[in-house]
Amino acid sequence: MLDLAPLAASMGVQRVEYRDVYWKEKDRELPAVKAQLAQLKLKATYTTVTPMYAAEAAKHRQLLQDIDA
């Protein structure tokens, strides 16, 4: 995940999409990715596969975490 923003910037890309399924160490990587995005002046989109409307409390909590990310 930490390679994506610098690579995108080097190619002249202005926006980057991150998908939740690719995080390996999200707690460690996410703050570093946010710093990279700010430094490189890139916009980001975060994609999740967590359903928006789920009856299960665990999925609802996960969605809120995804939105926070």
N, C-alpha and C. Protein backbone atom coordinates (compact mmCIF):
# COMPACT_ATOMS: atom_id res chain seq x y z
N MET A 1 0.82 -1.19 0.00
CA MET A 1 0.00 0.00 0.00
C MET A 1 0.86 1.26 0.00
N LEU A 2 2.01 1.19 0.61
CA LEU A 2 2.85 2.38 0.72
C LEU A 2 3.56 2.73 -0.59
N ASP A 3 3.53 1.84 -1.55
CA ASP A 3 4.16 2.11 -2.85
C ASP A 3 3.21 2.81 -3.82
N LEU A 4 1.92 2.73 -3.59
CA LEU A 4 0.94 3.18 -4.57
C LEU A 4 0.96 4.69 -4.80
N ALA A 5 0.90 5.50 -3.75
CA ALA A 5 0.84 6.95 -3.93
C ALA A 5 2.09 7.50 -4.62
N PRO A 6 3.31 7.13 -4.18
CA PRO A 6 4.49 7.64 -4.89
C PRO A 6 4.53 7.20 -6.36
N LEU A 7 4.12 5.98 -6.63
CA LEU A 7 4.09 5.49 -8.00
C LEU A 7 3.09 6.29 -8.84
N ALA A 8 1.92 6.51 -8.28
CA ALA A 8 0.89 7.28 -8.99
C ALA A 8 1.38 8.70 -9.28
N ALA A 9 2.00 9.34 -8.30
CA ALA A 9 2.50 10.70 -8.48
C ALA A 9 3.58 10.75 -9.55
N SER A 10 4.44 9.74 -9.58
CA SER A 10 5.51 9.72 -10.58
C SER A 10 4.98 9.56 -12.00
N MET A 11 3.76 9.04 -12.11
CA MET A 11 3.14 8.84 -13.42
C MET A 11 2.19 9.98 -13.78
N GLY A 12 2.12 10.99 -12.92
CA GLY A 12 1.27 12.14 -13.20
C GLY A 12 -0.20 11.94 -12.84
N VAL A 13 -0.50 10.90 -12.11
CA VAL A 13 -1.88 10.62 -11.71
C VAL A 13 -2.28 11.57 -10.59
N GLN A 14 -3.53 11.98 -10.56
CA GLN A 14 -4.01 12.92 -9.54
C GLN A 14 -4.86 12.25 -8.47
N ARG A 15 -5.37 11.06 -8.77
CA ARG A 15 -6.25 10.37 -7.82
C ARG A 15 -5.85 8.90 -7.71
N VAL A 16 -6.05 8.35 -6.52
CA VAL A 16 -5.68 6.96 -6.24
C VAL A 16 -6.86 6.28 -5.55
N GLU A 17 -7.10 5.04 -5.91
CA GLU A 17 -8.16 4.27 -5.25
C GLU A 17 -7.53 3.19 -4.40
N TYR A 18 -7.92 3.15 -3.15
CA TYR A 18 -7.49 2.10 -2.23
C TYR A 18 -8.67 1.19 -1.95
N ARG A 19 -8.43 -0.09 -1.93
CA ARG A 19 -9.50 -1.06 -1.67
C ARG A 19 -9.21 -1.81 -0.38
N ASP A 20 -10.24 -2.00 0.40
CA ASP A 20 -10.05 -2.59 1.73
C ASP A 20 -9.46 -3.99 1.70
N VAL A 21 -9.64 -4.72 0.64
CA VAL A 21 -9.16 -6.11 0.59
C VAL A 21 -7.65 -6.21 0.46
N TYR A 22 -6.96 -5.10 0.15
CA TYR A 22 -5.51 -5.16 -0.06
C TYR A 22 -4.68 -4.75 1.15
N TRP A 23 -5.31 -4.22 2.19
CA TRP A 23 -4.54 -3.83 3.37
C TRP A 23 -4.01 -5.06 4.07
N LYS A 24 -2.74 -5.03 4.42
CA LYS A 24 -2.15 -6.12 5.20
C LYS A 24 -1.97 -5.70 6.65
N GLU A 25 -1.52 -4.48 6.86
CA GLU A 25 -1.33 -3.93 8.20
C GLU A 25 -1.97 -2.54 8.24
N LYS A 26 -3.28 -2.51 8.14
CA LYS A 26 -4.01 -1.26 7.98
C LYS A 26 -3.73 -0.26 9.09
N ASP A 27 -3.65 -0.72 10.33
CA ASP A 27 -3.42 0.20 11.45
C ASP A 27 -2.09 0.93 11.32
N ARG A 28 -1.09 0.27 10.75
CA ARG A 28 0.22 0.88 10.56
C ARG A 28 0.29 1.65 9.25
N GLU A 29 -0.30 1.08 8.21
CA GLU A 29 -0.17 1.66 6.87
C GLU A 29 -1.05 2.88 6.63
N LEU A 30 -2.25 2.89 7.19
CA LEU A 30 -3.20 3.96 6.89
C LEU A 30 -2.68 5.35 7.25
N PRO A 31 -2.12 5.56 8.44
CA PRO A 31 -1.58 6.90 8.73
C PRO A 31 -0.45 7.30 7.77
N ALA A 32 0.38 6.35 7.40
CA ALA A 32 1.47 6.64 6.46
C ALA A 32 0.93 6.98 5.07
N VAL A 33 -0.10 6.27 4.64
CA VAL A 33 -0.71 6.54 3.33
C VAL A 33 -1.35 7.93 3.34
N LYS A 34 -2.04 8.28 4.41
CA LYS A 34 -2.65 9.60 4.50
C LYS A 34 -1.59 10.70 4.42
N ALA A 35 -0.46 10.49 5.07
CA ALA A 35 0.64 11.46 5.03
C ALA A 35 1.20 11.57 3.61
N GLN A 36 1.37 10.44 2.95
CA GLN A 36 1.85 10.44 1.57
C GLN A 36 0.91 11.22 0.66
N LEU A 37 -0.38 10.96 0.79
CA LEU A 37 -1.37 11.63 -0.04
C LEU A 37 -1.31 13.14 0.14
N ALA A 38 -1.19 13.58 1.38
CA ALA A 38 -1.10 15.02 1.65
C ALA A 38 0.18 15.61 1.06
N GLN A 39 1.29 14.93 1.25
CA GLN A 39 2.57 15.41 0.76
C GLN A 39 2.59 15.48 -0.77
N LEU A 40 2.02 14.47 -1.41
CA LEU A 40 2.03 14.39 -2.87
C LEU A 40 0.86 15.11 -3.52
N LYS A 41 -0.02 15.67 -2.69
CA LYS A 41 -1.21 16.40 -3.15
C LYS A 41 -2.10 15.54 -4.05
N LEU A 42 -2.31 14.31 -3.61
CA LEU A 42 -3.18 13.38 -4.34
C LEU A 42 -4.52 13.26 -3.63
N LYS A 43 -5.55 13.03 -4.40
CA LYS A 43 -6.88 12.72 -3.86
C LYS A 43 -7.02 11.21 -3.81
N ALA A 44 -7.78 10.72 -2.84
CA ALA A 44 -7.94 9.28 -2.70
C ALA A 44 -9.40 8.89 -2.58
N THR A 45 -9.68 7.69 -3.04
CA THR A 45 -10.97 7.05 -2.86
C THR A 45 -10.70 5.75 -2.11
N TYR A 46 -11.57 5.44 -1.16
CA TYR A 46 -11.42 4.20 -0.40
C TYR A 46 -12.63 3.33 -0.70
N THR A 47 -12.39 2.16 -1.23
CA THR A 47 -13.46 1.25 -1.62
C THR A 47 -13.55 0.10 -0.63
N THR A 48 -14.75 -0.23 -0.23
CA THR A 48 -14.97 -1.33 0.71
C THR A 48 -16.03 -2.28 0.15
N VAL A 49 -15.93 -3.53 0.54
CA VAL A 49 -16.94 -4.51 0.14
C VAL A 49 -17.96 -4.73 1.26
N THR A 50 -17.83 -3.99 2.34
CA THR A 50 -18.79 -4.10 3.44
C THR A 50 -20.13 -3.54 3.00
N PRO A 51 -21.21 -4.31 3.17
CA PRO A 51 -22.52 -3.83 2.71
C PRO A 51 -22.98 -2.58 3.47
N MET A 52 -23.62 -1.69 2.75
CA MET A 52 -24.08 -0.46 3.38
C MET A 52 -25.26 -0.72 4.33
N TYR A 53 -26.13 -1.60 3.93
CA TYR A 53 -27.31 -1.90 4.75
C TYR A 53 -27.26 -3.36 5.15
N ALA A 54 -26.76 -3.63 6.33
CA ALA A 54 -26.68 -5.00 6.83
C ALA A 54 -27.32 -5.05 8.22
N ALA A 55 -28.00 -6.12 8.48
CA ALA A 55 -28.67 -6.27 9.78
C ALA A 55 -27.69 -6.64 10.89
N GLU A 56 -26.57 -7.26 10.52
CA GLU A 56 -25.61 -7.72 11.52
C GLU A 56 -24.83 -6.54 12.12
N ALA A 57 -24.75 -6.52 13.44
CA ALA A 57 -24.06 -5.44 14.14
C ALA A 57 -22.58 -5.38 13.77
N ALA A 58 -21.96 -6.53 13.58
CA ALA A 58 -20.53 -6.56 13.24
C ALA A 58 -20.27 -5.89 11.89
N LYS A 59 -21.14 -6.12 10.93
CA LYS A 59 -20.97 -5.50 9.61
C LYS A 59 -21.21 -4.00 9.69
N HIS A 60 -22.15 -3.60 10.52
CA HIS A 60 -22.40 -2.17 10.71
C HIS A 60 -21.17 -1.49 11.32
N ARG A 61 -20.58 -2.12 12.34
CA ARG A 61 -19.36 -1.57 12.96
C ARG A 61 -18.22 -1.50 11.94
N GLN A 62 -18.08 -2.54 11.11
CA GLN A 62 -17.04 -2.54 10.10
C GLN A 62 -17.25 -1.42 9.09
N LEU A 63 -18.50 -1.19 8.69
CA LEU A 63 -18.78 -0.12 7.75
C LEU A 63 -18.40 1.23 8.34
N LEU A 64 -18.70 1.45 9.62
CA LEU A 64 -18.34 2.71 10.26
C LEU A 64 -16.82 2.88 10.30
N GLN A 65 -16.09 1.80 10.54
CA GLN A 65 -14.62 1.85 10.52
C GLN A 65 -14.13 2.18 9.11
N ASP A 66 -14.75 1.57 8.11
CA ASP A 66 -14.37 1.82 6.72
C ASP A 66 -14.61 3.29 6.35
N ILE A 67 -15.73 3.83 6.78
CA ILE A 67 -16.05 5.23 6.51
C ILE A 67 -15.03 6.13 7.20
N ASP A 68 -14.66 5.80 8.41
CA ASP A 68 -13.67 6.57 9.14
C ASP A 68 -12.32 6.58 8.43
N ALA A 69 -11.97 5.43 7.85
CA ALA A 69 -10.70 5.33 7.11
C ALA A 69 -10.71 6.26 5.92
